[in-house]
N, C-alpha and C. Protein backbone atom coordinates (compact mmCIF):
# COMPACT_ATOMS: atom_id res chain seq x y z
N MET A 1 179.83 131.37 121.00
CA MET A 1 179.95 130.23 121.68
C MET A 1 180.99 129.92 122.22
N LYS A 2 182.03 130.76 122.17
CA LYS A 2 183.25 130.63 123.43
C LYS A 2 182.67 130.99 124.67
N TRP A 3 181.73 131.68 124.87
CA TRP A 3 181.10 132.31 126.04
C TRP A 3 180.76 131.30 127.05
N VAL A 4 180.03 130.24 126.22
CA VAL A 4 179.45 128.88 126.74
C VAL A 4 180.24 128.02 127.39
N LYS A 5 181.55 128.20 126.61
CA LYS A 5 182.59 126.93 127.24
C LYS A 5 183.13 127.89 128.14
N ARG A 6 183.49 128.90 128.06
CA ARG A 6 184.10 129.45 129.17
C ARG A 6 182.99 129.57 130.83
N ILE A 7 181.92 129.78 130.66
CA ILE A 7 180.77 129.70 131.51
C ILE A 7 180.74 127.81 132.30
N ALA A 8 180.88 127.04 131.14
CA ALA A 8 180.92 125.70 131.76
C ALA A 8 182.11 125.33 132.46
N ILE A 9 183.16 125.87 131.95
CA ILE A 9 184.57 125.37 132.66
C ILE A 9 184.47 126.31 133.90
N GLY A 10 184.08 127.39 133.99
CA GLY A 10 183.73 128.18 135.42
C GLY A 10 182.93 127.65 136.19
N LEU A 11 181.77 126.77 135.91
CA LEU A 11 181.11 126.07 136.79
C LEU A 11 181.78 125.01 137.23
N VAL A 12 182.59 124.03 136.42
CA VAL A 12 183.19 122.94 136.61
C VAL A 12 183.97 123.02 137.86
N VAL A 13 184.97 124.20 137.41
CA VAL A 13 185.99 124.34 138.56
C VAL A 13 185.40 125.13 139.82
N GLY A 14 184.34 125.75 139.73
CA GLY A 14 183.66 126.30 141.01
C GLY A 14 183.07 124.97 141.92
N PHE A 15 182.50 124.14 140.93
CA PHE A 15 181.98 122.85 141.55
C PHE A 15 183.20 122.11 142.37
N ALA A 16 184.17 122.19 141.81
CA ALA A 16 185.48 121.11 142.07
C ALA A 16 186.03 122.04 143.44
N LEU A 17 186.07 123.42 143.40
CA LEU A 17 186.41 123.99 144.40
C LEU A 17 185.58 123.94 145.92
N PHE A 18 184.41 124.06 145.66
CA PHE A 18 183.24 123.93 146.48
C PHE A 18 183.25 122.44 147.12
N TYR A 19 183.40 121.36 146.31
CA TYR A 19 183.53 120.16 146.73
C TYR A 19 184.81 119.86 147.43
N THR A 20 185.82 120.45 147.15
CA THR A 20 187.13 120.37 147.97
C THR A 20 187.08 120.90 149.22
N ILE A 21 186.51 121.98 149.35
CA ILE A 21 186.61 122.50 150.50
C ILE A 21 185.41 122.08 151.75
N THR A 22 184.36 121.64 151.10
CA THR A 22 183.12 121.22 152.06
C THR A 22 183.56 119.50 152.01
N ARG A 23 184.12 118.79 151.38
CA ARG A 23 184.27 117.36 151.59
C ARG A 23 185.72 117.25 151.15
N PRO A 24 186.77 117.50 151.79
CA PRO A 24 188.12 117.08 151.41
C PRO A 24 188.30 115.75 151.30
N GLU A 25 187.81 114.66 152.32
CA GLU A 25 188.18 113.46 152.09
C GLU A 25 187.49 112.95 150.87
N ASP A 26 186.25 113.09 150.72
CA ASP A 26 185.64 112.65 149.47
C ASP A 26 186.21 113.03 148.38
N ALA A 27 186.72 114.37 148.41
CA ALA A 27 187.59 114.70 146.94
C ALA A 27 188.69 114.15 146.94
N ALA A 28 189.60 113.75 148.05
CA ALA A 28 190.65 113.32 147.84
C ALA A 28 190.57 111.54 147.47
N ASN A 29 189.47 110.77 147.91
CA ASN A 29 189.15 109.51 147.46
C ASN A 29 188.68 109.66 146.04
N ALA A 30 188.00 110.57 145.37
CA ALA A 30 187.73 110.68 143.98
C ALA A 30 188.96 110.94 143.23
N VAL A 31 189.87 111.82 143.66
CA VAL A 31 191.05 111.73 142.84
C VAL A 31 191.85 110.63 142.93
N GLN A 32 192.08 109.66 144.03
CA GLN A 32 192.67 108.54 144.08
C GLN A 32 192.05 107.47 143.02
N GLY A 33 190.92 107.58 143.16
CA GLY A 33 190.11 106.64 142.04
C GLY A 33 190.15 106.99 140.50
N ALA A 34 190.30 108.20 140.52
CA ALA A 34 190.42 108.61 138.92
C ALA A 34 192.14 108.11 138.67
N PHE A 35 192.99 108.44 139.43
CA PHE A 35 194.20 108.16 139.11
C PHE A 35 194.29 106.39 139.09
N ALA A 36 193.70 105.67 139.84
CA ALA A 36 193.61 104.27 139.88
C ALA A 36 193.07 103.82 138.48
N ALA A 37 192.02 104.66 137.98
CA ALA A 37 191.59 104.06 136.88
C ALA A 37 192.38 104.44 135.57
N VAL A 38 193.23 105.32 135.59
CA VAL A 38 194.03 105.84 134.39
C VAL A 38 195.14 104.81 134.97
N TRP A 39 195.82 104.50 135.78
CA TRP A 39 196.79 103.56 135.89
C TRP A 39 196.51 102.36 135.38
N GLY A 40 195.23 101.75 135.71
CA GLY A 40 194.69 100.61 135.18
C GLY A 40 194.73 100.61 133.75
N ALA A 41 194.27 101.61 133.40
CA ALA A 41 194.13 101.66 131.55
C ALA A 41 195.50 101.58 131.07
N ILE A 42 196.63 102.24 131.56
CA ILE A 42 197.71 102.29 131.29
C ILE A 42 198.52 100.93 131.13
N GLU A 43 198.14 100.11 132.53
CA GLU A 43 198.49 98.73 132.52
C GLU A 43 197.73 97.68 131.49
N ALA A 44 196.88 98.28 131.14
CA ALA A 44 195.83 97.17 130.31
C ALA A 44 196.57 97.24 128.99
N VAL A 45 196.70 98.50 128.50
CA VAL A 45 197.53 98.70 127.49
C VAL A 45 198.73 98.26 127.16
N GLY A 46 199.58 98.47 128.37
CA GLY A 46 201.02 97.58 128.38
C GLY A 46 200.67 96.02 128.05
N THR A 47 199.88 95.62 128.83
CA THR A 47 199.71 94.18 128.86
C THR A 47 199.20 93.65 127.47
N PHE A 48 198.50 94.44 126.83
CA PHE A 48 198.09 94.16 125.21
C PHE A 48 198.99 94.25 124.45
N PHE A 49 200.14 95.22 124.52
CA PHE A 49 201.15 95.24 123.46
C PHE A 49 202.39 94.06 124.13
N THR A 50 202.27 93.94 125.02
CA THR A 50 203.31 92.84 125.42
C THR A 50 202.80 91.40 125.12
N SER A 51 201.58 91.36 124.99
CA SER A 51 201.04 90.09 124.44
C SER A 51 201.19 90.08 122.90
N LEU A 52 200.86 91.28 122.38
CA LEU A 52 200.74 91.05 120.88
C LEU A 52 202.33 90.98 120.35
N ALA A 53 203.33 91.52 121.14
CA ALA A 53 204.69 91.16 120.82
C ALA A 53 205.13 89.86 121.01
N SER A 54 204.42 88.94 121.85
CA SER A 54 205.15 87.76 122.13
C SER A 54 204.71 86.63 121.05
């Protein structure tokens, strides 16, 4: 079962490298979108705890 995980990770990394090389602007936009989503989630959790403490 470890070899399946290793192959899956290799395919994901290979696809990410291919996407980055062939479409760098789209890859940058995807990374920015991911960071924006994570930041939005962090802000939402912070707002929740701030409201909870009030």
